[in-house]
All heavy atoms as atom14 arrays in JSON, in Angstrom:
{
  "sequence": "FFFPQAWFDAFHGTAYVDPAALLPRAAASWTGFLLMQSIALVRWRME",
  "atom14_mask": [
    [1, 1, 1, 1, 1, 1, 1, 1, 1, 1, 1, 0, 0, 0],
    [1, 1, 1, 1, 1, 1, 1, 1, 1, 1, 1, 0, 0, 0],
    [1, 1, 1, 1, 1, 1, 1, 1, 1, 1, 1, 0, 0, 0],
    [1, 1, 1, 1, 1, 1, 1, 0, 0, 0, 0, 0, 0, 0],
    [1, 1, 1, 1, 1, 1, 1, 1, 1, 0, 0, 0, 0, 0],
    [1, 1, 1, 1, 1, 0, 0, 0, 0, 0, 0, 0, 0, 0],
    [1, 1, 1, 1, 1, 1, 1, 1, 1, 1, 1, 1, 1, 1],
    [1, 1, 1, 1, 1, 1, 1, 1, 1, 1, 1, 0, 0, 0],
    [1, 1, 1, 1, 1, 1, 1, 1, 0, 0, 0, 0, 0, 0],
    [1, 1, 1, 1, 1, 0, 0, 0, 0, 0, 0, 0, 0, 0],
    [1, 1, 1, 1, 1, 1, 1, 1, 1, 1, 1, 0, 0, 0],
    [1, 1, 1, 1, 1, 1, 1, 1, 1, 1, 0, 0, 0, 0],
    [1, 1, 1, 1, 0, 0, 0, 0, 0, 0, 0, 0, 0, 0],
    [1, 1, 1, 1, 1, 1, 1, 0, 0, 0, 0, 0, 0, 0],
    [1, 1, 1, 1, 1, 0, 0, 0, 0, 0, 0, 0, 0, 0],
    [1, 1, 1, 1, 1, 1, 1, 1, 1, 1, 1, 1, 0, 0],
    [1, 1, 1, 1, 1, 1, 1, 0, 0, 0, 0, 0, 0, 0],
    [1, 1, 1, 1, 1, 1, 1, 1, 0, 0, 0, 0, 0, 0],
    [1, 1, 1, 1, 1, 1, 1, 0, 0, 0, 0, 0, 0, 0],
    [1, 1, 1, 1, 1, 0, 0, 0, 0, 0, 0, 0, 0, 0],
    [1, 1, 1, 1, 1, 0, 0, 0, 0, 0, 0, 0, 0, 0],
    [1, 1, 1, 1, 1, 1, 1, 1, 0, 0, 0, 0, 0, 0],
    [1, 1, 1, 1, 1, 1, 1, 1, 0, 0, 0, 0, 0, 0],
    [1, 1, 1, 1, 1, 1, 1, 0, 0, 0, 0, 0, 0, 0],
    [1, 1, 1, 1, 1, 1, 1, 1, 1, 1, 1, 0, 0, 0],
    [1, 1, 1, 1, 1, 0, 0, 0, 0, 0, 0, 0, 0, 0],
    [1, 1, 1, 1, 1, 0, 0, 0, 0, 0, 0, 0, 0, 0],
    [1, 1, 1, 1, 1, 0, 0, 0, 0, 0, 0, 0, 0, 0],
    [1, 1, 1, 1, 1, 1, 0, 0, 0, 0, 0, 0, 0, 0],
    [1, 1, 1, 1, 1, 1, 1, 1, 1, 1, 1, 1, 1, 1],
    [1, 1, 1, 1, 1, 1, 1, 0, 0, 0, 0, 0, 0, 0],
    [1, 1, 1, 1, 0, 0, 0, 0, 0, 0, 0, 0, 0, 0],
    [1, 1, 1, 1, 1, 1, 1, 1, 1, 1, 1, 0, 0, 0],
    [1, 1, 1, 1, 1, 1, 1, 1, 0, 0, 0, 0, 0, 0],
    [1, 1, 1, 1, 1, 1, 1, 1, 0, 0, 0, 0, 0, 0],
    [1, 1, 1, 1, 1, 1, 1, 1, 0, 0, 0, 0, 0, 0],
    [1, 1, 1, 1, 1, 1, 1, 1, 1, 0, 0, 0, 0, 0],
    [1, 1, 1, 1, 1, 1, 0, 0, 0, 0, 0, 0, 0, 0],
    [1, 1, 1, 1, 1, 1, 1, 1, 0, 0, 0, 0, 0, 0],
    [1, 1, 1, 1, 1, 0, 0, 0, 0, 0, 0, 0, 0, 0],
    [1, 1, 1, 1, 1, 1, 1, 1, 0, 0, 0, 0, 0, 0],
    [1, 1, 1, 1, 1, 1, 1, 0, 0, 0, 0, 0, 0, 0],
    [1, 1, 1, 1, 1, 1, 1, 1, 1, 1, 1, 0, 0, 0],
    [1, 1, 1, 1, 1, 1, 1, 1, 1, 1, 1, 1, 1, 1],
    [1, 1, 1, 1, 1, 1, 1, 1, 1, 1, 1, 0, 0, 0],
    [1, 1, 1, 1, 1, 1, 1, 1, 0, 0, 0, 0, 0, 0],
    [1, 1, 1, 1, 1, 1, 1, 1, 1, 0, 0, 0, 0, 0]
  ],
  "atom14_positions": [
    [[33.81, 17.26, 40.95], [32.82, 17.25, 42.04], [31.53, 16.52, 41.65], [30.99, 15.75, 42.42], [32.44, 18.68, 42.45], [33.24, 19.25, 43.58], [33.77, 20.53, 43.48], [33.46, 18.54, 44.75], [34.5, 21.08, 44.52], [34.19, 19.08, 45.8], [34.71, 20.35, 45.68], [0.0, 0.0, 0.0], [0.0, 0.0, 0.0], [0.0, 0.0, 0.0]],
    [[31.03, 16.81, 40.45], [29.69, 16.36, 40.09], [29.64, 15.17, 39.13], [28.6, 14.54, 39.01], [28.9, 17.53, 39.51], [28.75, 18.66, 40.48], [29.41, 19.87, 40.27], [27.99, 18.52, 41.63], [29.3, 20.91, 41.18], [27.87, 19.56, 42.54], [28.52, 20.75, 42.31], [0.0, 0.0, 0.0], [0.0, 0.0, 0.0], [0.0, 0.0, 0.0]],
    [[30.75, 14.88, 38.48], [30.78, 13.78, 37.53], [32.02, 12.91, 37.75], [32.83, 12.72, 36.83], [30.75, 14.31, 36.09], [29.58, 15.24, 35.84], [29.76, 16.61, 35.82], [28.31, 14.73, 35.65], [28.69, 17.47, 35.62], [27.23, 15.57, 35.43], [27.42, 16.95, 35.42], [0.0, 0.0, 0.0], [0.0, 0.0, 0.0], [0.0, 0.0, 0.0]],
    [[32.19, 12.38, 38.96], [33.42, 11.62, 39.25], [33.58, 10.36, 38.39], [34.71, 10.02, 38.03], [33.3, 11.29, 40.73], [31.85, 11.39, 41.04], [31.3, 12.43, 40.11], [0.0, 0.0, 0.0], [0.0, 0.0, 0.0], [0.0, 0.0, 0.0], [0.0, 0.0, 0.0], [0.0, 0.0, 0.0], [0.0, 0.0, 0.0], [0.0, 0.0, 0.0]],
    [[32.49, 9.71, 38.05], [32.63, 8.52, 37.21], [33.13, 8.91, 35.82], [33.97, 8.21, 35.23], [31.31, 7.74, 37.11], [31.44, 6.45, 36.31], [32.5, 5.49, 36.88], [32.41, 5.1, 38.04], [33.5, 5.13, 36.07], [0.0, 0.0, 0.0], [0.0, 0.0, 0.0], [0.0, 0.0, 0.0], [0.0, 0.0, 0.0], [0.0, 0.0, 0.0]],
    [[32.65, 10.02, 35.31], [33.13, 10.5, 34.0], [34.63, 10.82, 34.08], [35.38, 10.56, 33.13], [32.33, 11.71, 33.55], [0.0, 0.0, 0.0], [0.0, 0.0, 0.0], [0.0, 0.0, 0.0], [0.0, 0.0, 0.0], [0.0, 0.0, 0.0], [0.0, 0.0, 0.0], [0.0, 0.0, 0.0], [0.0, 0.0, 0.0], [0.0, 0.0, 0.0]],
    [[35.05, 11.38, 35.21], [36.48, 11.66, 35.41], [37.27, 10.34, 35.36], [38.28, 10.26, 34.65], [36.7, 12.35, 36.75], [38.14, 12.63, 37.02], [39.08, 11.78, 37.53], [38.82, 13.84, 36.75], [40.29, 12.38, 37.6], [40.17, 13.66, 37.13], [38.42, 15.08, 36.23], [41.12, 14.66, 37.01], [39.38, 16.08, 36.13], [40.71, 15.87, 36.5]],
    [[36.82, 9.36, 36.12], [37.53, 8.08, 36.15], [37.5, 7.39, 34.79], [38.48, 6.74, 34.41], [36.96, 7.18, 37.26], [37.73, 7.3, 38.55], [37.71, 8.47, 39.28], [38.48, 6.23, 39.03], [38.42, 8.6, 40.46], [39.21, 6.34, 40.21], [39.18, 7.53, 40.93], [0.0, 0.0, 0.0], [0.0, 0.0, 0.0], [0.0, 0.0, 0.0]],
    [[36.41, 7.53, 34.06], [36.36, 6.97, 32.71], [37.43, 7.62, 31.82], [38.13, 6.92, 31.08], [34.98, 7.19, 32.08], [33.89, 6.34, 32.72], [34.23, 5.36, 33.42], [32.7, 6.68, 32.53], [0.0, 0.0, 0.0], [0.0, 0.0, 0.0], [0.0, 0.0, 0.0], [0.0, 0.0, 0.0], [0.0, 0.0, 0.0], [0.0, 0.0, 0.0]],
    [[37.55, 8.93, 31.89], [38.48, 9.66, 31.02], [39.94, 9.44, 31.41], [40.8, 9.3, 30.54], [38.15, 11.15, 31.04], [0.0, 0.0, 0.0], [0.0, 0.0, 0.0], [0.0, 0.0, 0.0], [0.0, 0.0, 0.0], [0.0, 0.0, 0.0], [0.0, 0.0, 0.0], [0.0, 0.0, 0.0], [0.0, 0.0, 0.0], [0.0, 0.0, 0.0]],
    [[40.22, 9.4, 32.72], [41.61, 9.36, 33.16], [42.1, 7.96, 33.56], [43.3, 7.71, 33.53], [41.84, 10.34, 34.31], [41.83, 11.76, 33.87], [40.66, 12.5, 33.87], [42.98, 12.37, 33.42], [40.64, 13.82, 33.45], [42.98, 13.69, 32.98], [41.8, 14.41, 33.0], [0.0, 0.0, 0.0], [0.0, 0.0, 0.0], [0.0, 0.0, 0.0]],
    [[41.17, 7.09, 33.97], [41.59, 5.79, 34.48], [40.96, 4.61, 33.76], [41.49, 3.5, 33.83], [41.29, 5.69, 35.99], [41.96, 6.75, 36.77], [43.31, 6.76, 37.01], [41.47, 7.87, 37.37], [43.64, 7.82, 37.72], [42.54, 8.52, 37.94], [0.0, 0.0, 0.0], [0.0, 0.0, 0.0], [0.0, 0.0, 0.0], [0.0, 0.0, 0.0]],
    [[39.84, 4.8, 33.13], [39.16, 3.7, 32.46], [38.67, 2.64, 33.42], [38.56, 1.47, 33.06], [0.0, 0.0, 0.0], [0.0, 0.0, 0.0], [0.0, 0.0, 0.0], [0.0, 0.0, 0.0], [0.0, 0.0, 0.0], [0.0, 0.0, 0.0], [0.0, 0.0, 0.0], [0.0, 0.0, 0.0], [0.0, 0.0, 0.0], [0.0, 0.0, 0.0]],
    [[38.37, 3.03, 34.64], [37.91, 2.09, 35.68], [36.68, 2.65, 36.37], [36.3, 3.81, 36.15], [39.01, 1.86, 36.75], [39.25, 3.1, 37.44], [40.3, 1.37, 36.14], [0.0, 0.0, 0.0], [0.0, 0.0, 0.0], [0.0, 0.0, 0.0], [0.0, 0.0, 0.0], [0.0, 0.0, 0.0], [0.0, 0.0, 0.0], [0.0, 0.0, 0.0]],
    [[36.1, 1.83, 37.24], [34.97, 2.3, 38.06], [35.49, 3.34, 39.06], [36.66, 3.32, 39.45], [34.34, 1.13, 38.8], [0.0, 0.0, 0.0], [0.0, 0.0, 0.0], [0.0, 0.0, 0.0], [0.0, 0.0, 0.0], [0.0, 0.0, 0.0], [0.0, 0.0, 0.0], [0.0, 0.0, 0.0], [0.0, 0.0, 0.0], [0.0, 0.0, 0.0]],
    [[34.6, 4.23, 39.45], [34.97, 5.27, 40.42], [35.1, 4.64, 41.8], [34.11, 4.33, 42.46], [33.93, 6.39, 40.41], [34.14, 7.44, 41.49], [35.34, 8.11, 41.6], [33.12, 7.76, 42.39], [35.54, 9.08, 42.57], [33.3, 8.73, 43.35], [34.52, 9.38, 43.45], [34.7, 10.34, 44.41], [0.0, 0.0, 0.0], [0.0, 0.0, 0.0]],
    [[36.32, 4.45, 42.21], [36.63, 3.95, 43.56], [37.71, 4.88, 44.09], [38.82, 4.92, 43.56], [37.14, 2.49, 43.53], [37.51, 2.03, 44.93], [36.1, 1.58, 42.9], [0.0, 0.0, 0.0], [0.0, 0.0, 0.0], [0.0, 0.0, 0.0], [0.0, 0.0, 0.0], [0.0, 0.0, 0.0], [0.0, 0.0, 0.0], [0.0, 0.0, 0.0]],
    [[37.37, 5.63, 45.11], [38.29, 6.64, 45.65], [38.15, 6.68, 47.16], [37.62, 7.64, 47.72], [37.97, 8.0, 45.02], [39.0, 9.07, 45.33], [40.06, 8.76, 45.89], [38.73, 10.24, 44.99], [0.0, 0.0, 0.0], [0.0, 0.0, 0.0], [0.0, 0.0, 0.0], [0.0, 0.0, 0.0], [0.0, 0.0, 0.0], [0.0, 0.0, 0.0]],
    [[38.62, 5.64, 47.86], [38.4, 5.58, 49.31], [39.07, 6.72, 50.07], [38.62, 7.09, 51.15], [38.99, 4.23, 49.71], [39.92, 3.86, 48.63], [39.39, 4.5, 47.38], [0.0, 0.0, 0.0], [0.0, 0.0, 0.0], [0.0, 0.0, 0.0], [0.0, 0.0, 0.0], [0.0, 0.0, 0.0], [0.0, 0.0, 0.0], [0.0, 0.0, 0.0]],
    [[40.12, 7.3, 49.54], [40.8, 8.41, 50.21], [40.2, 9.76, 49.82], [40.65, 10.8, 50.32], [42.28, 8.39, 49.89], [0.0, 0.0, 0.0], [0.0, 0.0, 0.0], [0.0, 0.0, 0.0], [0.0, 0.0, 0.0], [0.0, 0.0, 0.0], [0.0, 0.0, 0.0], [0.0, 0.0, 0.0], [0.0, 0.0, 0.0], [0.0, 0.0, 0.0]],
    [[39.21, 9.77, 48.95], [38.53, 11.0, 48.5], [39.52, 12.0, 47.9], [39.4, 13.21, 48.11], [37.72, 11.62, 49.62], [0.0, 0.0, 0.0], [0.0, 0.0, 0.0], [0.0, 0.0, 0.0], [0.0, 0.0, 0.0], [0.0, 0.0, 0.0], [0.0, 0.0, 0.0], [0.0, 0.0, 0.0], [0.0, 0.0, 0.0], [0.0, 0.0, 0.0]],
    [[40.47, 11.5, 47.14], [41.46, 12.39, 46.52], [40.89, 13.2, 45.37], [41.33, 14.32, 45.13], [42.68, 11.59, 46.07], [43.49, 10.98, 47.21], [44.64, 10.15, 46.65], [44.0, 12.05, 48.15], [0.0, 0.0, 0.0], [0.0, 0.0, 0.0], [0.0, 0.0, 0.0], [0.0, 0.0, 0.0], [0.0, 0.0, 0.0], [0.0, 0.0, 0.0]],
    [[39.9, 12.65, 44.66], [39.3, 13.42, 43.57], [38.52, 14.63, 44.11], [38.72, 15.74, 43.63], [38.42, 12.54, 42.68], [37.84, 13.22, 41.45], [38.93, 13.82, 40.56], [36.99, 12.23, 40.66], [0.0, 0.0, 0.0], [0.0, 0.0, 0.0], [0.0, 0.0, 0.0], [0.0, 0.0, 0.0], [0.0, 0.0, 0.0], [0.0, 0.0, 0.0]],
    [[37.65, 14.48, 45.13], [37.01, 15.67, 45.69], [38.02, 16.65, 46.31], [37.82, 17.86, 46.26], [36.07, 15.11, 46.76], [35.85, 13.69, 46.38], [37.09, 13.23, 45.69], [0.0, 0.0, 0.0], [0.0, 0.0, 0.0], [0.0, 0.0, 0.0], [0.0, 0.0, 0.0], [0.0, 0.0, 0.0], [0.0, 0.0, 0.0], [0.0, 0.0, 0.0]],
    [[39.11, 16.11, 46.85], [40.15, 16.99, 47.39], [40.77, 17.82, 46.26], [40.99, 19.03, 46.41], [41.23, 16.16, 48.08], [42.32, 16.98, 48.71], [43.45, 16.08, 49.23], [44.46, 16.83, 49.93], [45.39, 17.56, 49.34], [45.42, 17.67, 48.04], [46.29, 18.21, 50.06], [0.0, 0.0, 0.0], [0.0, 0.0, 0.0], [0.0, 0.0, 0.0]],
    [[41.06, 17.18, 45.13], [41.59, 17.92, 43.98], [40.58, 18.95, 43.49], [40.95, 20.08, 43.15], [41.96, 16.95, 42.86], [0.0, 0.0, 0.0], [0.0, 0.0, 0.0], [0.0, 0.0, 0.0], [0.0, 0.0, 0.0], [0.0, 0.0, 0.0], [0.0, 0.0, 0.0], [0.0, 0.0, 0.0], [0.0, 0.0, 0.0], [0.0, 0.0, 0.0]],
    [[39.31, 18.57, 43.47], [38.26, 19.51, 43.04], [38.2, 20.72, 43.97], [37.99, 21.85, 43.51], [36.91, 18.8, 42.99], [0.0, 0.0, 0.0], [0.0, 0.0, 0.0], [0.0, 0.0, 0.0], [0.0, 0.0, 0.0], [0.0, 0.0, 0.0], [0.0, 0.0, 0.0], [0.0, 0.0, 0.0], [0.0, 0.0, 0.0], [0.0, 0.0, 0.0]],
    [[38.4, 20.49, 45.26], [38.42, 21.62, 46.2], [39.61, 22.54, 45.91], [39.49, 23.77, 45.99], [38.46, 21.1, 47.63], [0.0, 0.0, 0.0], [0.0, 0.0, 0.0], [0.0, 0.0, 0.0], [0.0, 0.0, 0.0], [0.0, 0.0, 0.0], [0.0, 0.0, 0.0], [0.0, 0.0, 0.0], [0.0, 0.0, 0.0], [0.0, 0.0, 0.0]],
    [[40.75, 21.95, 45.57], [41.92, 22.77, 45.2], [41.63, 23.59, 43.95], [41.95, 24.78, 43.89], [43.14, 21.89, 44.97], [43.56, 21.31, 46.17], [0.0, 0.0, 0.0], [0.0, 0.0, 0.0], [0.0, 0.0, 0.0], [0.0, 0.0, 0.0], [0.0, 0.0, 0.0], [0.0, 0.0, 0.0], [0.0, 0.0, 0.0], [0.0, 0.0, 0.0]],
    [[41.04, 22.95, 42.94], [40.7, 23.69, 41.73], [39.69, 24.78, 42.0], [39.72, 25.84, 41.36], [40.2, 22.74, 40.64], [41.25, 21.81, 40.15], [42.57, 22.11, 39.88], [41.09, 20.43, 39.87], [43.21, 20.99, 39.45], [42.34, 19.93, 39.43], [40.01, 19.55, 39.95], [42.54, 18.61, 39.07], [40.21, 18.23, 39.58], [41.46, 17.77, 39.15]],
    [[38.81, 24.56, 42.96], [37.86, 25.61, 43.34], [38.6, 26.78, 43.98], [38.27, 27.95, 43.73], [36.79, 25.04, 44.29], [36.13, 23.95, 43.63], [35.77, 26.1, 44.66], [0.0, 0.0, 0.0], [0.0, 0.0, 0.0], [0.0, 0.0, 0.0], [0.0, 0.0, 0.0], [0.0, 0.0, 0.0], [0.0, 0.0, 0.0], [0.0, 0.0, 0.0]],
    [[39.61, 26.48, 44.79], [40.44, 27.54, 45.36], [41.18, 28.32, 44.28], [41.26, 29.55, 44.32], [0.0, 0.0, 0.0], [0.0, 0.0, 0.0], [0.0, 0.0, 0.0], [0.0, 0.0, 0.0], [0.0, 0.0, 0.0], [0.0, 0.0, 0.0], [0.0, 0.0, 0.0], [0.0, 0.0, 0.0], [0.0, 0.0, 0.0], [0.0, 0.0, 0.0]],
    [[41.72, 27.59, 43.3], [42.38, 28.25, 42.18], [41.39, 29.13, 41.43], [41.7, 30.27, 41.08], [42.96, 27.23, 41.2], [44.05, 26.35, 41.75], [44.51, 25.29, 41.01], [44.6, 26.56, 43.0], [45.51, 24.46, 41.49], [45.6, 25.74, 43.5], [46.05, 24.69, 42.74], [0.0, 0.0, 0.0], [0.0, 0.0, 0.0], [0.0, 0.0, 0.0]],
    [[40.2, 28.59, 41.22], [39.14, 29.33, 40.54], [38.82, 30.62, 41.27], [38.69, 31.68, 40.65], [37.89, 28.45, 40.44], [36.61, 29.08, 39.92], [36.75, 29.51, 38.48], [35.46, 28.1, 40.07], [0.0, 0.0, 0.0], [0.0, 0.0, 0.0], [0.0, 0.0, 0.0], [0.0, 0.0, 0.0], [0.0, 0.0, 0.0], [0.0, 0.0, 0.0]],
    [[38.74, 30.55, 42.58], [38.45, 31.75, 43.38], [39.55, 32.79, 43.22], [39.28, 33.96, 42.95], [38.26, 31.36, 44.85], [38.04, 32.51, 45.81], [36.75, 33.25, 45.5], [38.05, 32.01, 47.24], [0.0, 0.0, 0.0], [0.0, 0.0, 0.0], [0.0, 0.0, 0.0], [0.0, 0.0, 0.0], [0.0, 0.0, 0.0], [0.0, 0.0, 0.0]],
    [[40.81, 32.38, 43.4], [41.92, 33.33, 43.29], [42.0, 33.93, 41.89], [42.21, 35.14, 41.74], [43.25, 32.63, 43.63], [43.4, 32.2, 45.07], [43.38, 33.57, 46.24], [41.71, 33.47, 46.85], [0.0, 0.0, 0.0], [0.0, 0.0, 0.0], [0.0, 0.0, 0.0], [0.0, 0.0, 0.0], [0.0, 0.0, 0.0], [0.0, 0.0, 0.0]],
    [[41.84, 33.11, 40.88], [41.92, 33.6, 39.5], [40.74, 34.49, 39.15], [40.9, 35.46, 38.39], [42.04, 32.42, 38.53], [43.37, 31.7, 38.71], [43.42, 30.31, 38.14], [44.5, 29.77, 38.04], [42.32, 29.71, 37.76], [0.0, 0.0, 0.0], [0.0, 0.0, 0.0], [0.0, 0.0, 0.0], [0.0, 0.0, 0.0], [0.0, 0.0, 0.0]],
    [[39.56, 34.21, 39.7], [38.4, 35.06, 39.45], [38.59, 36.43, 40.09], [38.28, 37.46, 39.47], [37.13, 34.41, 40.0], [36.86, 33.2, 39.34], [0.0, 0.0, 0.0], [0.0, 0.0, 0.0], [0.0, 0.0, 0.0], [0.0, 0.0, 0.0], [0.0, 0.0, 0.0], [0.0, 0.0, 0.0], [0.0, 0.0, 0.0], [0.0, 0.0, 0.0]],
    [[39.1, 36.46, 41.31], [39.39, 37.73, 41.96], [40.43, 38.5, 41.16], [40.29, 39.7, 40.91], [39.84, 37.52, 43.42], [38.7, 36.96, 44.26], [40.36, 38.83, 44.02], [39.11, 36.49, 45.65], [0.0, 0.0, 0.0], [0.0, 0.0, 0.0], [0.0, 0.0, 0.0], [0.0, 0.0, 0.0], [0.0, 0.0, 0.0], [0.0, 0.0, 0.0]],
    [[41.48, 37.79, 40.73], [42.53, 38.44, 39.94], [41.97, 39.01, 38.64], [42.35, 40.12, 38.24], [43.65, 37.46, 39.65], [0.0, 0.0, 0.0], [0.0, 0.0, 0.0], [0.0, 0.0, 0.0], [0.0, 0.0, 0.0], [0.0, 0.0, 0.0], [0.0, 0.0, 0.0], [0.0, 0.0, 0.0], [0.0, 0.0, 0.0], [0.0, 0.0, 0.0]],
    [[41.08, 38.28, 38.0], [40.49, 38.73, 36.74], [39.78, 40.07, 36.93], [39.84, 40.95, 36.06], [39.52, 37.67, 36.21], [38.84, 37.94, 34.88], [39.85, 38.13, 33.76], [37.89, 36.8, 34.55], [0.0, 0.0, 0.0], [0.0, 0.0, 0.0], [0.0, 0.0, 0.0], [0.0, 0.0, 0.0], [0.0, 0.0, 0.0], [0.0, 0.0, 0.0]],
    [[39.15, 40.24, 38.07], [38.4, 41.47, 38.35], [39.32, 42.58, 38.87], [39.13, 43.75, 38.54], [37.27, 41.18, 39.37], [36.6, 42.46, 39.83], [36.26, 40.21, 38.77], [0.0, 0.0, 0.0], [0.0, 0.0, 0.0], [0.0, 0.0, 0.0], [0.0, 0.0, 0.0], [0.0, 0.0, 0.0], [0.0, 0.0, 0.0], [0.0, 0.0, 0.0]],
    [[40.33, 42.24, 39.66], [41.1, 43.25, 40.4], [42.48, 43.58, 39.85], [43.08, 44.56, 40.28], [41.28, 42.79, 41.85], [40.04, 42.37, 42.58], [39.33, 43.41, 43.29], [40.22, 44.36, 43.89], [39.78, 45.42, 44.55], [38.51, 45.6, 44.72], [40.63, 46.28, 45.06], [0.0, 0.0, 0.0], [0.0, 0.0, 0.0], [0.0, 0.0, 0.0]],
    [[43.04, 42.78, 38.94], [44.45, 42.91, 38.6], [44.83, 44.26, 38.02], [45.95, 44.72, 38.19], [44.9, 41.78, 37.68], [44.54, 41.96, 36.23], [43.43, 41.47, 35.61], [45.27, 42.67, 35.26], [43.43, 41.84, 34.3], [44.56, 42.59, 34.05], [46.47, 43.39, 35.27], [45.0, 43.18, 32.89], [46.9, 43.99, 34.1], [46.17, 43.87, 32.94]],
    [[43.95, 44.94, 37.34], [44.32, 46.23, 36.74], [44.6, 47.3, 37.78], [45.42, 48.18, 37.54], [43.24, 46.7, 35.79], [43.18, 45.88, 34.52], [42.27, 46.52, 33.48], [42.1, 45.68, 32.34], [42.92, 45.67, 31.29], [43.96, 46.45, 31.27], [42.69, 44.87, 30.27], [0.0, 0.0, 0.0], [0.0, 0.0, 0.0], [0.0, 0.0, 0.0]],
    [[43.95, 47.22, 38.91], [44.17, 48.21, 39.97], [45.13, 47.7, 41.05], [45.75, 48.49, 41.75], [42.83, 48.63, 40.6], [41.91, 49.32, 39.63], [42.67, 50.7, 38.71], [43.11, 51.79, 40.03], [0.0, 0.0, 0.0], [0.0, 0.0, 0.0], [0.0, 0.0, 0.0], [0.0, 0.0, 0.0], [0.0, 0.0, 0.0], [0.0, 0.0, 0.0]],
    [[45.21, 46.39, 41.19], [46.11, 45.78, 42.17], [46.89, 44.69, 41.45], [46.52, 43.51, 41.45], [45.32, 45.2, 43.34], [44.56, 46.26, 44.11], [43.58, 45.68, 45.12], [43.05, 44.57, 44.9], [43.34, 46.36, 46.12], [0.0, 0.0, 0.0], [0.0, 0.0, 0.0], [0.0, 0.0, 0.0], [0.0, 0.0, 0.0], [0.0, 0.0, 0.0]]
  ]
}
């Protein structure tokens, strides 16, 4: 989300060009995973 050029440097070695906005879409998915896993971390012992 916040360092897309650093992402592209690490994974692609190119300038950040993402006309389909797939990187922010992936970040949104990881945020969803983060939410589910955070809830699980707090609740799993009782549920």
